[in-house]
Protein backbone atom coordinates (compact mmCIF):
# COMPACT_ATOMS: atom_id res chain seq x y z
CA MET A 1 0.00 0.00 0.00
CA PHE A 2 1.28 3.40 -0.92
CA THR A 3 2.63 5.34 2.04
CA GLY A 4 3.05 8.75 0.44
CA LEU A 5 5.46 11.57 1.10
CA VAL A 6 5.21 14.24 3.75
CA ALA A 7 7.88 16.67 2.65
CA GLY A 8 7.52 19.60 0.23
CA ALA A 9 7.46 19.61 -3.52
CA SER A 10 11.22 19.27 -3.85
CA SER A 11 11.12 15.89 -2.14
CA PHE A 12 9.24 14.52 -5.12
CA VAL A 13 12.42 14.89 -7.13
CA THR A 14 15.09 14.03 -4.60
CA ASN A 15 13.68 11.64 -2.00
CA PRO A 16 13.62 7.91 -2.74
CA LEU A 17 10.27 6.19 -2.34
CA PRO A 18 10.10 3.00 -0.28
CA MET A 19 8.81 0.09 -2.30
CA LYS A 20 7.12 -3.03 -0.94
CA ARG A 21 7.46 -6.17 -3.01
CA SER A 22 6.01 -9.61 -2.69
CA ASP A 23 9.49 -11.20 -2.76
CA GLY A 24 10.44 -9.46 0.49
CA PHE A 25 12.78 -6.92 -1.10
CA ASN A 26 12.49 -3.55 0.60
CA GLY A 27 14.57 -1.45 -1.72
CA HIS A 28 14.15 2.06 -2.99
CA PHE A 29 13.58 3.83 -6.20
CA GLY A 30 16.78 5.59 -7.06
CA PRO A 31 16.57 9.36 -6.58
CA VAL A 32 16.39 11.46 -9.70
CA ARG A 33 19.64 13.37 -9.82
CA LYS A 34 19.53 17.11 -10.25
CA MET A 35 22.01 18.28 -12.87
CA ASN A 36 23.66 21.63 -12.48
CA THR A 37 24.09 23.94 -15.47
CA LEU A 38 27.62 22.76 -16.24
CA SER A 39 26.67 19.09 -16.11
CA LEU A 40 23.67 19.71 -18.34
CA ALA A 41 25.80 21.60 -20.85
CA MET A 42 28.39 18.80 -20.91
CA ALA A 43 25.64 16.26 -21.46
CA GLU A 44 24.35 18.24 -24.44
CA VAL A 45 27.85 18.49 -25.93
CA LYS A 46 28.38 14.75 -25.55
CA ALA A 47 24.98 14.06 -27.07
CA VAL A 48 25.73 16.15 -30.14
CA LYS A 49 29.16 14.57 -30.68
CA ALA A 50 28.07 10.99 -30.14
CA PRO A 51 28.78 9.08 -33.36
CA GLY A 52 25.77 7.78 -35.25
CA ARG A 53 23.26 9.55 -33.00
CA LEU A 54 19.93 10.13 -34.68
CA ALA A 55 18.59 13.68 -34.88
CA ILE A 56 15.58 13.85 -32.60
CA ASP A 57 13.40 16.60 -31.18
CA ASP A 58 15.45 16.71 -27.98
CA ASP A 59 18.32 18.21 -30.02
CA ALA A 60 16.36 21.45 -30.24
CA LEU A 61 15.70 21.79 -26.52
CA ALA A 62 18.67 24.05 -25.79
CA LYS A 63 17.77 26.40 -28.65
CA ASN A 64 14.05 26.45 -27.87
CA SER A 65 14.64 27.11 -24.17
CA LYS A 66 15.89 30.60 -25.05
CA HIS A 67 12.43 31.62 -26.24
CA PRO A 68 9.19 32.20 -24.25
CA THR A 69 7.14 29.07 -23.82
CA GLY A 70 3.52 28.66 -24.81
CA LEU A 71 2.63 28.86 -21.14
CA ASP A 72 3.98 32.41 -21.03
CA LYS A 73 1.83 33.28 -24.03
CA PHE A 74 -1.37 31.69 -22.68
CA ARG A 75 -1.05 32.39 -18.95
CA THR A 76 -3.75 35.09 -18.78
CA GLU A 77 -6.11 33.18 -21.06
CA LEU A 78 -5.68 29.98 -19.03
CA ALA A 79 -6.56 31.69 -15.75
CA THR A 80 -9.56 33.44 -17.33
CA ASN A 81 -10.97 30.24 -18.84
CA ALA A 82 -10.39 28.23 -15.66
CA LYS A 83 -12.43 30.78 -13.71
CA LYS A 84 -15.20 30.76 -16.34
CA LEU A 85 -15.54 27.00 -16.00
CA VAL A 86 -16.25 27.24 -12.27
CA LEU A 87 -18.40 30.35 -12.08
CA PRO A 88 -21.09 30.24 -9.35
CA GLY A 89 -23.93 27.95 -10.35
CA LYS A 90 -21.99 26.44 -13.24
CA GLY A 91 -20.38 23.04 -13.82
CA LEU A 92 -19.33 20.65 -16.57
CA LEU A 93 -21.12 18.10 -18.71
CA ALA A 94 -18.77 15.17 -19.27
CA CYS A 95 -19.65 13.47 -22.54
CA ASP A 96 -16.19 12.25 -23.47
CA GLU A 97 -16.95 8.53 -23.41
CA SER A 98 -14.98 6.51 -25.92
CA THR A 99 -16.66 5.12 -29.01
CA GLY A 100 -16.98 1.72 -27.35
CA THR A 101 -18.42 3.02 -24.09
CA VAL A 102 -21.00 5.35 -25.61
CA GLY A 103 -21.85 2.48 -27.95
CA LYS A 104 -22.79 0.31 -24.99
CA ARG A 105 -25.14 3.02 -23.76
CA LEU A 106 -26.76 3.32 -27.15
CA GLU A 107 -27.11 -0.45 -27.40
CA SER A 108 -28.88 -0.42 -24.01
CA ILE A 109 -31.76 1.43 -25.71
CA GLY A 110 -31.65 -0.66 -28.87
CA LEU A 111 -29.52 1.58 -31.09
CA GLU A 112 -26.60 0.36 -33.16
CA ASN A 113 -23.21 1.88 -32.35
CA THR A 114 -22.72 3.97 -35.50
CA GLU A 115 -21.26 7.44 -36.00
CA GLU A 116 -24.70 8.67 -37.04
CA ASN A 117 -26.33 7.46 -33.82
CA ARG A 118 -23.49 8.82 -31.69
CA MET A 119 -23.98 12.17 -33.42
CA LYS A 120 -27.74 12.11 -32.80
CA TRP A 121 -27.25 11.43 -29.09
CA ARG A 122 -24.71 14.18 -28.59
CA ASP A 123 -26.72 16.56 -30.76
CA LEU A 124 -29.63 16.02 -28.35
CA LEU A 125 -27.38 16.95 -25.43
CA PHE A 126 -25.78 20.03 -26.96
CA THR A 127 -28.95 21.56 -28.42
CA THR A 128 -30.88 21.38 -25.13
CA PRO A 129 -32.51 24.82 -24.74
CA GLY A 130 -31.14 26.79 -21.78
CA LEU A 131 -28.45 24.24 -20.94
CA GLY A 132 -25.85 27.01 -20.88
CA ASP A 133 -27.62 28.56 -17.88
CA TYR A 134 -26.15 25.76 -15.77
CA ILE A 135 -23.32 24.22 -17.83
CA SER A 136 -20.10 26.17 -18.40
CA GLY A 137 -18.20 23.55 -20.39
CA ALA A 138 -18.60 20.20 -22.12
CA ILE A 139 -15.83 17.58 -22.24
CA LEU A 140 -15.85 15.92 -25.65
CA PHE A 141 -14.36 12.82 -27.21
CA GLU A 142 -12.09 13.52 -30.19
CA GLU A 143 -14.69 12.36 -32.71
CA THR A 144 -17.22 14.81 -31.30
CA LEU A 145 -14.85 17.80 -31.33
CA PHE A 146 -14.48 17.49 -35.10
CA GLN A 147 -18.09 16.44 -35.77
CA ASN A 148 -21.05 18.40 -37.15
CA GLY A 149 -24.50 18.27 -35.65
CA HIS A 150 -27.79 17.25 -37.24
CA ASP A 151 -28.18 20.64 -38.96
CA GLY A 152 -24.64 20.60 -40.34
CA LYS A 153 -23.19 23.06 -37.82
CA PRO A 154 -19.94 22.03 -36.09
CA PHE A 155 -20.58 20.94 -32.51
CA VAL A 156 -17.97 23.46 -31.38
CA GLU A 157 -20.13 26.23 -32.87
CA VAL A 158 -23.31 24.80 -31.34
CA LEU A 159 -21.72 24.76 -27.88
CA ASN A 160 -20.25 28.24 -28.18
CA ASN A 161 -23.61 29.61 -29.30
CA ASN A 162 -25.13 28.14 -26.12
CA GLY A 163 -22.45 29.75 -23.93
CA ILE A 164 -20.71 26.42 -23.29
CA ILE A 165 -16.92 26.14 -23.62
CA PRO A 166 -15.79 23.08 -25.61
CA GLY A 167 -13.25 20.78 -23.94
CA ILE A 168 -11.53 17.57 -24.95
CA LYS A 169 -10.45 14.27 -23.40
CA VAL A 170 -6.80 13.85 -24.34
CA ASP A 171 -5.66 10.66 -22.62
CA LYS A 172 -5.54 7.40 -24.55
CA GLY A 173 -6.90 5.16 -21.82
CA LEU A 174 -5.48 2.77 -19.25
CA LEU A 175 -2.83 0.13 -19.95
CA PRO A 176 -1.23 -2.52 -17.69
CA LEU A 177 1.37 -1.10 -15.29
CA TYR A 178 4.24 -3.56 -15.21
CA GLY A 179 6.13 -3.29 -11.93
CA GLY A 180 3.09 -2.28 -9.93
CA ALA A 181 0.68 -4.56 -8.13
CA ILE A 182 -0.98 -7.21 -10.28
CA GLY A 183 -3.98 -5.66 -12.01
CA GLU A 184 -2.84 -2.03 -11.77
CA ASN A 185 -2.88 0.27 -14.78
CA TYR A 186 -1.40 3.55 -15.90
CA CYS A 187 -2.83 6.22 -18.18
CA SER A 188 -1.32 6.47 -21.66
CA GLY A 189 -1.25 9.28 -24.19
CA LEU A 190 1.77 11.52 -23.55
CA ASP A 191 3.42 10.66 -26.87
CA GLY A 192 2.41 13.28 -29.43
CA LEU A 193 0.25 15.09 -26.89
CA TYR A 194 1.53 18.59 -27.63
CA ASP A 195 0.76 18.34 -31.33
CA ARG A 196 -2.69 16.95 -30.61
CA ALA A 197 -3.33 19.72 -28.07
CA VAL A 198 -2.38 22.35 -30.65
CA SER A 199 -4.85 20.85 -33.14
CA TYR A 200 -7.59 20.71 -30.48
CA TYR A 201 -7.05 24.38 -29.61
CA LYS A 202 -7.21 25.28 -33.30
CA GLN A 203 -10.51 23.38 -33.58
CA GLY A 204 -11.96 25.41 -30.70
CA ALA A 205 -11.28 23.45 -27.51
CA ARG A 206 -10.18 25.58 -24.57
CA PHE A 207 -9.77 22.99 -21.84
CA CYS A 208 -8.95 19.31 -21.58
CA LYS A 209 -9.11 16.31 -19.27
CA TRP A 210 -6.83 13.39 -18.41
CA ARG A 211 -8.14 10.59 -16.21
CA THR A 212 -6.11 8.07 -14.32
CA ALA A 213 -7.63 5.59 -11.89
CA LEU A 214 -6.32 3.98 -8.72
CA GLU A 215 -7.88 1.11 -6.81
CA ILE A 216 -7.77 0.52 -3.06
CA ASN A 217 -7.17 -3.15 -2.27
CA GLU A 218 -5.07 -3.80 0.79
CA ALA A 219 -4.84 -7.53 0.15
CA LYS A 220 -3.24 -6.87 -3.24
CA GLY A 221 -1.12 -3.93 -2.08
CA MET A 222 -3.09 -1.37 -4.07
CA PRO A 223 -2.34 1.34 -4.77
CA SER A 224 1.36 0.57 -5.02
CA ASN A 225 4.13 3.16 -4.84
CA VAL A 226 4.77 2.64 -8.53
CA ALA A 227 1.11 3.28 -9.45
CA VAL A 228 0.84 6.45 -7.39
CA THR A 229 4.12 7.87 -8.64
CA GLU A 230 3.23 7.08 -12.25
CA ALA A 231 -0.27 8.56 -11.87
CA ALA A 232 1.02 11.78 -10.32
CA TRP A 233 3.84 12.29 -12.78
CA GLY A 234 1.67 11.47 -15.80
CA LEU A 235 -1.00 13.95 -14.73
CA ALA A 236 1.61 16.65 -14.14
CA ARG A 237 3.32 16.10 -17.50
CA TYR A 238 -0.05 16.19 -19.27
CA ALA A 239 -1.06 19.38 -17.47
CA ARG A 240 2.11 21.26 -18.35
CA ILE A 241 2.14 20.07 -21.98
CA CYS A 242 -1.47 21.12 -22.56
CA GLN A 243 -0.95 24.52 -20.96
CA GLU A 244 1.83 25.06 -23.49
CA ALA A 245 -0.86 24.72 -26.18
CA GLY A 246 -3.41 26.97 -24.45
CA LEU A 247 -5.70 24.33 -22.94
CA VAL A 248 -6.80 24.48 -19.30
CA PRO A 249 -5.93 21.04 -17.91
CA ILE A 250 -8.38 19.23 -15.66
CA VAL A 251 -6.39 16.84 -13.50
CA GLU A 252 -8.38 13.68 -12.67
CA PRO A 253 -6.89 11.22 -10.18
CA GLU A 254 -9.91 8.97 -9.60
CA ILE A 255 -10.06 6.69 -6.57
CA LEU A 256 -12.31 3.87 -7.72
CA MET A 257 -15.36 2.87 -5.70
CA ASP A 258 -14.53 -0.82 -6.20
CA GLY A 259 -13.82 -2.67 -2.96
CA GLU A 260 -14.89 -2.99 0.65
CA HIS A 261 -12.58 -0.36 2.19
CA THR A 262 -13.91 2.10 4.75
CA ILE A 263 -14.27 5.83 4.24
CA GLU A 264 -11.32 6.29 6.62
CA LYS A 265 -9.12 4.27 4.26
CA THR A 266 -10.32 6.36 1.32
CA ILE A 267 -9.40 9.54 3.20
CA GLU A 268 -5.92 8.20 3.90
CA VAL A 269 -5.18 7.08 0.35
CA GLN A 270 -6.86 9.94 -1.48
CA THR A 271 -5.09 12.58 0.61
CA GLN A 272 -1.72 11.03 -0.21
CA VAL A 273 -2.53 10.63 -3.90
CA VAL A 274 -3.82 14.18 -4.46
CA ALA A 275 -0.91 15.65 -2.51
CA GLU A 276 1.50 13.65 -4.65
CA VAL A 277 -0.20 14.92 -7.80
CA TYR A 278 0.33 18.52 -6.76
CA ARG A 279 3.93 17.93 -5.76
CA ALA A 280 4.47 16.64 -9.29
CA CYS A 281 2.58 19.59 -10.79
CA ILE A 282 4.76 22.04 -8.89
CA ALA A 283 7.90 20.18 -9.95
CA ASN A 284 6.78 20.48 -13.58
CA GLY A 285 5.93 24.17 -13.36
CA VAL A 286 2.19 23.73 -13.93
CA TYR A 287 0.39 27.08 -13.71
CA LEU A 288 -2.11 26.25 -10.97
CA PRO A 289 -4.50 29.23 -11.48
CA GLY A 290 -4.97 27.96 -15.03
CA SER A 291 -5.88 24.40 -14.02
CA LEU A 292 -8.69 22.48 -12.32
CA LEU A 293 -8.98 19.30 -10.24
CA LYS A 294 -11.49 16.52 -10.92
CA PRO A 295 -11.42 14.08 -8.01
CA SER A 296 -13.86 11.43 -6.91
CA MET A 297 -15.94 12.19 -3.84
CA THR A 298 -14.50 10.63 -0.70
CA VAL A 299 -16.75 7.62 -0.19
CA PRO A 300 -16.28 4.11 1.20
CA GLY A 301 -15.90 1.17 -1.17
CA VAL A 302 -19.15 0.07 -2.75
CA GLU A 303 -18.95 -3.27 -0.91
CA CYS A 304 -18.20 -1.71 2.50
CA LYS A 305 -20.82 -2.62 5.10
CA GLU A 306 -20.44 0.76 6.80
CA LYS A 307 -22.34 3.21 4.60
CA ALA A 308 -21.63 6.93 4.82
CA SER A 309 -24.19 9.73 5.13
CA PRO A 310 -24.07 12.84 2.92
CA GLN A 311 -22.68 14.77 5.89
CA GLU A 312 -19.92 12.21 6.41
CA VAL A 313 -19.03 12.22 2.71
CA ALA A 314 -18.98 16.02 2.63
CA LYS A 315 -16.75 16.31 5.69
CA ALA A 316 -14.37 13.60 4.49
CA THR A 317 -14.07 15.13 1.02
CA ILE A 318 -13.42 18.61 2.36
CA ASP A 319 -10.82 17.24 4.78
CA VAL A 320 -8.99 15.57 1.87
CA LEU A 321 -9.05 18.72 -0.24
CA GLU A 322 -7.91 21.02 2.54
CA ALA A 323 -4.99 18.71 3.29
CA SER A 324 -3.79 18.34 -0.30
CA VAL A 325 -5.00 20.97 -2.81
CA PRO A 326 -3.18 24.31 -3.20
CA SER A 327 -5.34 27.39 -2.74
CA LYS A 328 -4.32 28.76 -6.15
CA VAL A 329 -6.35 26.08 -7.90
CA PRO A 330 -9.61 27.91 -8.71
CA GLY A 331 -12.01 24.99 -8.71
CA VAL A 332 -12.77 21.36 -7.98
CA THR A 333 -15.09 19.66 -10.48
CA PHE A 334 -16.18 16.35 -9.00
CA LEU A 335 -16.77 13.19 -11.01
CA SER A 336 -19.80 11.14 -10.03
CA GLY A 337 -17.96 7.82 -10.27
CA GLY A 338 -21.02 5.58 -10.33
CA LEU A 339 -23.13 7.45 -7.78
CA ALA A 340 -26.83 7.71 -8.58
CA GLU A 341 -27.92 11.04 -10.08
CA GLU A 342 -29.73 12.19 -6.95
CA ASP A 343 -27.00 11.00 -4.58
CA ALA A 344 -24.35 12.90 -6.54
CA SER A 345 -26.40 16.09 -6.32
CA ILE A 346 -27.13 15.66 -2.61
CA PHE A 347 -23.48 14.97 -1.76
CA LEU A 348 -22.34 18.04 -3.70
CA ASN A 349 -25.00 20.21 -2.12
CA THR A 350 -24.00 19.08 1.36
CA MET A 351 -20.35 19.98 0.71
CA ASN A 352 -21.42 23.49 -0.24
CA THR A 353 -23.35 23.95 2.99
CA GLU A 354 -20.43 22.91 5.21
CA GLU A 355 -18.00 25.39 6.73
CA ARG A 356 -14.56 25.11 5.18
CA VAL A 357 -11.28 26.93 4.82
CA GLY A 358 -10.55 25.94 1.21
CA PRO A 359 -11.36 28.77 -1.23
CA TRP A 360 -12.16 26.67 -4.30
CA SER A 361 -15.46 26.43 -6.10
CA LEU A 362 -16.82 22.92 -5.47
CA THR A 363 -18.84 21.95 -8.51
CA PHE A 364 -19.65 19.06 -10.86
CA SER A 365 -18.26 17.34 -13.93
CA PHE A 366 -20.77 14.52 -14.21
CA SER A 367 -21.30 12.03 -17.01
CA ARG A 368 -23.53 9.14 -16.00
CA ALA A 369 -25.09 11.22 -13.20
CA MET A 370 -26.22 13.78 -15.81
CA GLN A 371 -27.13 11.59 -18.76
CA SER A 372 -28.62 8.37 -17.40
CA SER A 373 -32.28 9.40 -17.03
CA CYS A 374 -32.07 11.52 -20.17
CA LEU A 375 -30.94 8.51 -22.22
CA LYS A 376 -33.72 6.31 -20.84
CA ILE A 377 -36.39 8.88 -21.67
CA TRP A 378 -35.05 9.47 -25.18
CA ASP A 379 -34.94 5.74 -25.96
CA GLY A 380 -33.64 6.56 -29.44
CA MET A 381 -36.99 8.03 -30.51
CA GLU A 382 -37.22 11.47 -32.14
CA GLU A 383 -40.63 12.09 -30.55
CA ASN A 384 -39.03 11.78 -27.10
CA LYS A 385 -36.28 14.33 -27.76
CA GLU A 386 -37.89 17.31 -26.01
CA LYS A 387 -38.75 15.28 -22.90
CA ALA A 388 -35.21 13.90 -22.77
CA GLN A 389 -33.75 17.39 -23.08
CA ALA A 390 -36.03 18.63 -20.30
CA GLN A 391 -34.69 15.82 -18.09
CA LEU A 392 -31.08 16.74 -18.87
CA LYS A 393 -31.78 20.38 -18.07
CA ALA A 394 -33.47 19.37 -14.81
CA ARG A 395 -30.38 17.45 -13.62
CA ALA A 396 -28.16 20.33 -14.75
CA GLN A 397 -30.28 22.71 -12.68
CA ALA A 398 -30.13 20.35 -9.70
CA ASN A 399 -26.34 20.31 -9.83
CA SER A 400 -26.17 24.05 -10.37
CA GLU A 401 -28.22 24.56 -7.22
CA ALA A 402 -26.00 22.02 -5.42
CA ASN A 403 -22.94 24.11 -6.31
CA LEU A 404 -24.66 27.02 -4.56
CA GLY A 405 -25.73 24.90 -1.58
CA LYS A 406 -29.39 25.47 -2.43
CA TYR A 407 -30.56 22.12 -3.81
CA LYS A 408 -33.64 20.56 -2.20
CA ALA A 409 -33.47 16.77 -2.34
CA GLY A 410 -36.06 15.34 -4.72
CA SER A 411 -36.98 18.70 -6.26
CA GLN A 412 -35.76 17.60 -9.70
CA PRO A 413 -36.79 14.33 -11.39
CA SER A 414 -34.49 11.31 -11.74
CA LEU A 415 -34.98 7.75 -12.96
CA SER A 416 -31.51 6.72 -11.84
CA GLU A 417 -30.57 4.11 -9.29
CA SER A 418 -26.92 3.42 -8.50
CA LEU A 419 -24.81 3.83 -11.63
CA TYR A 420 -21.86 1.86 -10.28
CA GLN A 421 -20.23 -0.59 -12.68
CA LYS A 422 -17.37 -2.77 -11.53
CA ASN A 423 -14.14 -2.16 -13.48
CA TYR A 424 -15.84 0.64 -15.41
CA VAL A 425 -14.00 1.72 -18.57
CA TYR A 426 -14.48 5.14 -20.17
């Protein structure tokens, strides 16, 4: 089980991390050496003179470092857009499910997983009248960012006309993490990310999201040191790279609901993970006022016999945030993570009625907890479109009111039970 670090940001670079292994070895990761200017210069000279060395992008680093970075260029815009995304009463609609995942949802109502049907579903979402009163941004899958709606207008234009900022999922999904605990994964997608981010910005995206997921399983030693370190560093590298291209990065270190762990164990692990993420962000020079956090709410495992009340979840979540999130981060946009639509709204509302020190906006970035009832009502039928859109708007209003601490439980309709799915894949 990951034990975390307690020192400042610099310890992320210089302190070795203890590693527990099943073979009894209690070694350490080697510390990453800091190179002084002379050593770095010598390394560059040796690299250039090495016989047969291929010309790669790294050869241009010394020359490029003399010029302002994209982050310098976009700093003001990043901070402005981050604040817009978490304005009072506003939150995010996450509709960035992969082609396979959204296909499963369409198949659940009898529709074939085709580009046309995926377009129809997302067109229904984006053309909902008045949705921009409650939704500040929509996270899109790559297909959707470059797609046109039913009337031929680009979805980016449709969203902008509704006052909704387009965003984009940029990670490439989870892959097996060799060296971690058996069954652990890491998030892929750093290769070529800058070029993709530039193209997304050109297409109209102004923010982005990268999700990594960690599981709590004490019997299996999850999360391992390797998994936490990889998750934190990957999120930090993604955030800095995308800021260079003008995109506000949403950092999403999800703690999965899978398991029977208590809420106390979630508090322990999540605090360490989020703190590690921000140590890595600081080490990478991420501009925190131009970024957002998307964590899971601090809940017990779905199989835990000790259930938590909304007040307990709110207090636990706030405790985690206040122990790990820098005050310069303007907002926290929670994922629903399998919670029922109404539960997600109630939990968020309760957080916003609790006293706290943390200055951030606490708002929503829900997918299943925004779309589930809407999808059921639509059922793939054109004649149900208006009713489905009214349902989506109702849940958006519920979550908007929850951000303000004004939501009254049951005041907005929902057909949703628990939306938890074991080993859920986006």
